[in-house]
């Protein structure tokens, strides 16, 4: 998955932090803070237990072929 940054300046900051992290100069928790600050976070899709109206009215291909 490609990283998306808030801005070009934050991209440079994040890449610098990644280098420091690989060298052991910043901790994992500090790196997480850079992730939170610099990366665009997509909202998580929530599972919807209720079927949409479109799905409720569709018949399966097997049902259609049997004429039900």
N, C-alpha and C. Protein backbone atom coordinates (compact mmCIF):
# COMPACT_ATOMS: atom_id res chain seq x y z
N UNK A 1 0.83 -1.16 0.00
CA UNK A 1 0.00 0.00 0.00
C UNK A 1 0.89 1.24 0.00
N UNK A 2 0.61 2.15 -0.92
CA UNK A 2 1.39 3.36 -1.05
C UNK A 2 1.01 4.35 0.06
N UNK A 3 2.03 4.98 0.63
CA UNK A 3 1.77 5.96 1.68
C UNK A 3 1.30 7.26 1.05
N UNK A 4 0.32 7.89 1.69
CA UNK A 4 -0.17 9.19 1.26
C UNK A 4 0.16 10.17 2.38
N UNK A 5 0.74 11.30 2.00
CA UNK A 5 1.18 12.27 2.99
C UNK A 5 0.26 13.48 3.02
N UNK A 6 0.19 14.13 4.19
CA UNK A 6 -0.62 15.34 4.36
C UNK A 6 -0.12 16.46 3.45
N UNK A 7 1.21 16.56 3.28
CA UNK A 7 1.80 17.60 2.45
C UNK A 7 3.21 17.16 2.05
N UNK A 8 3.81 17.89 1.14
CA UNK A 8 5.18 17.56 0.72
C UNK A 8 6.16 17.76 1.87
N UNK A 9 5.97 18.81 2.66
CA UNK A 9 6.85 19.07 3.80
C UNK A 9 6.77 17.93 4.82
N UNK A 10 5.55 17.43 5.07
CA UNK A 10 5.39 16.32 6.01
C UNK A 10 5.95 15.02 5.43
N UNK A 11 5.93 14.88 4.12
CA UNK A 11 6.54 13.70 3.49
C UNK A 11 8.04 13.68 3.79
N UNK A 12 8.70 14.83 3.62
CA UNK A 12 10.14 14.92 3.88
C UNK A 12 10.43 14.64 5.35
N UNK A 13 9.61 15.21 6.25
CA UNK A 13 9.79 14.98 7.68
C UNK A 13 9.64 13.50 8.02
N UNK A 14 8.63 12.87 7.44
CA UNK A 14 8.36 11.45 7.72
C UNK A 14 9.49 10.57 7.20
N UNK A 15 9.97 10.87 6.01
CA UNK A 15 11.07 10.09 5.44
C UNK A 15 12.33 10.23 6.29
N UNK A 16 12.57 11.43 6.81
CA UNK A 16 13.72 11.64 7.71
C UNK A 16 13.54 10.83 8.99
N UNK A 17 12.33 10.85 9.53
CA UNK A 17 12.05 10.07 10.74
C UNK A 17 12.23 8.58 10.48
N UNK A 18 11.82 8.10 9.31
CA UNK A 18 12.01 6.68 8.98
C UNK A 18 13.49 6.32 8.97
N UNK A 19 14.31 7.21 8.43
CA UNK A 19 15.75 6.97 8.42
C UNK A 19 16.30 6.91 9.84
N UNK A 20 15.88 7.85 10.67
CA UNK A 20 16.32 7.85 12.07
C UNK A 20 15.85 6.60 12.80
N UNK A 21 14.64 6.15 12.50
CA UNK A 21 14.11 4.93 13.12
C UNK A 21 14.94 3.72 12.73
N UNK A 22 15.26 3.61 11.44
CA UNK A 22 16.10 2.48 10.98
C UNK A 22 17.47 2.50 11.64
N UNK A 23 17.99 3.68 11.95
CA UNK A 23 19.30 3.80 12.60
C UNK A 23 19.21 3.62 14.12
N UNK A 24 17.99 3.51 14.63
CA UNK A 24 17.80 3.31 16.06
C UNK A 24 17.85 4.60 16.86
N UNK A 25 17.72 5.73 16.20
CA UNK A 25 17.81 7.03 16.87
C UNK A 25 16.48 7.50 17.44
N UNK A 26 15.37 6.96 16.94
CA UNK A 26 14.07 7.26 17.53
C UNK A 26 13.35 5.94 17.79
N UNK A 27 12.46 5.96 18.76
CA UNK A 27 11.76 4.74 19.18
C UNK A 27 10.57 4.45 18.27
N UNK A 28 10.03 3.25 18.45
CA UNK A 28 8.86 2.84 17.68
C UNK A 28 7.66 3.75 17.99
N UNK A 29 7.51 4.11 19.26
CA UNK A 29 6.39 4.99 19.61
C UNK A 29 6.56 6.38 18.99
N UNK A 30 7.78 6.89 18.90
CA UNK A 30 8.02 8.16 18.23
C UNK A 30 7.72 8.05 16.73
N UNK A 31 8.05 6.91 16.14
CA UNK A 31 7.77 6.71 14.72
C UNK A 31 6.26 6.68 14.49
N UNK A 32 5.52 6.06 15.41
CA UNK A 32 4.06 6.04 15.30
C UNK A 32 3.49 7.46 15.35
N UNK A 33 4.10 8.31 16.17
CA UNK A 33 3.65 9.70 16.24
C UNK A 33 3.87 10.41 14.90
N UNK A 34 5.00 10.14 14.25
CA UNK A 34 5.24 10.71 12.92
C UNK A 34 4.22 10.17 11.92
N UNK A 35 3.91 8.88 12.01
CA UNK A 35 2.89 8.30 11.12
C UNK A 35 1.57 9.04 11.30
N UNK A 36 1.17 9.23 12.55
CA UNK A 36 -0.10 9.88 12.86
C UNK A 36 -0.13 11.32 12.34
N UNK A 37 0.98 12.02 12.48
CA UNK A 37 1.05 13.43 12.12
C UNK A 37 1.18 13.65 10.61
N UNK A 38 1.91 12.78 9.92
CA UNK A 38 2.30 13.03 8.54
C UNK A 38 1.47 12.31 7.48
N UNK A 39 0.92 11.15 7.82
CA UNK A 39 0.22 10.34 6.83
C UNK A 39 -1.27 10.66 6.79
N UNK A 40 -1.85 10.52 5.60
CA UNK A 40 -3.30 10.64 5.43
C UNK A 40 -3.89 9.32 5.89
N UNK A 41 -4.86 9.39 6.75
CA UNK A 41 -5.49 8.18 7.28
C UNK A 41 -6.88 8.04 6.68
N UNK A 42 -7.08 6.96 5.93
CA UNK A 42 -8.38 6.67 5.32
C UNK A 42 -9.31 6.15 6.41
N UNK A 43 -10.56 6.59 6.41
CA UNK A 43 -11.50 6.06 7.40
C UNK A 43 -11.70 4.57 7.17
N UNK A 44 -11.77 3.84 8.27
CA UNK A 44 -11.98 2.39 8.16
C UNK A 44 -13.42 2.11 7.75
N UNK A 45 -13.58 1.13 6.86
CA UNK A 45 -14.93 0.73 6.48
C UNK A 45 -15.51 -0.11 7.60
N UNK A 46 -16.71 0.24 7.99
CA UNK A 46 -17.37 -0.50 9.05
C UNK A 46 -18.28 -1.54 8.43
N UNK A 47 -18.34 -2.69 9.04
CA UNK A 47 -19.19 -3.77 8.57
C UNK A 47 -20.64 -3.42 8.87
N UNK A 48 -21.48 -3.49 7.86
CA UNK A 48 -22.89 -3.21 8.02
C UNK A 48 -23.64 -4.54 7.95
N UNK A 49 -24.23 -4.94 9.05
CA UNK A 49 -24.90 -6.24 9.10
C UNK A 49 -26.21 -6.25 8.33
N UNK A 50 -26.78 -5.07 8.06
CA UNK A 50 -28.05 -5.03 7.33
C UNK A 50 -27.78 -4.95 5.84
N UNK A 51 -28.39 -5.85 5.06
CA UNK A 51 -28.18 -5.80 3.60
C UNK A 51 -28.82 -4.55 3.00
N UNK A 52 -28.21 -4.07 1.95
CA UNK A 52 -28.79 -2.89 1.29
C UNK A 52 -30.06 -3.31 0.57
N UNK A 53 -30.90 -2.33 0.26
CA UNK A 53 -32.17 -2.59 -0.43
C UNK A 53 -31.91 -3.26 -1.78
N UNK A 54 -30.83 -2.85 -2.45
CA UNK A 54 -30.50 -3.43 -3.76
C UNK A 54 -30.23 -4.93 -3.64
N UNK A 55 -29.50 -5.32 -2.61
CA UNK A 55 -29.18 -6.74 -2.43
C UNK A 55 -30.40 -7.55 -2.01
N UNK A 56 -31.31 -6.95 -1.25
CA UNK A 56 -32.50 -7.67 -0.80
C UNK A 56 -33.39 -8.07 -1.97
N UNK A 57 -33.44 -7.26 -3.01
CA UNK A 57 -34.35 -7.50 -4.12
C UNK A 57 -33.73 -8.29 -5.26
N UNK A 58 -32.45 -8.55 -5.19
CA UNK A 58 -31.82 -9.33 -6.27
C UNK A 58 -32.00 -10.82 -5.98
N UNK A 59 -32.20 -11.58 -7.03
CA UNK A 59 -32.29 -13.02 -6.89
C UNK A 59 -30.98 -13.63 -7.36
N UNK A 60 -30.66 -14.77 -6.80
CA UNK A 60 -29.44 -15.45 -7.23
C UNK A 60 -29.65 -15.99 -8.65
N UNK A 61 -28.58 -16.15 -9.43
CA UNK A 61 -28.71 -16.69 -10.80
C UNK A 61 -29.38 -18.06 -10.83
N UNK A 62 -29.13 -18.90 -9.82
CA UNK A 62 -29.72 -20.22 -9.78
C UNK A 62 -31.25 -20.11 -9.66
N UNK A 63 -31.73 -19.24 -8.81
CA UNK A 63 -33.17 -19.04 -8.64
C UNK A 63 -33.79 -18.53 -9.95
N UNK A 64 -33.12 -17.62 -10.60
CA UNK A 64 -33.64 -17.08 -11.86
C UNK A 64 -33.72 -18.17 -12.92
N UNK A 65 -32.71 -19.06 -13.00
CA UNK A 65 -32.71 -20.09 -14.03
C UNK A 65 -33.78 -21.16 -13.79
N UNK A 66 -34.20 -21.32 -12.55
CA UNK A 66 -35.23 -22.30 -12.23
C UNK A 66 -36.63 -21.74 -12.36
N UNK A 67 -36.72 -20.43 -12.57
CA UNK A 67 -38.02 -19.81 -12.77
C UNK A 67 -38.75 -19.52 -11.47
N UNK A 68 -38.09 -19.53 -10.36
CA UNK A 68 -38.71 -19.23 -9.07
C UNK A 68 -38.82 -17.77 -8.83
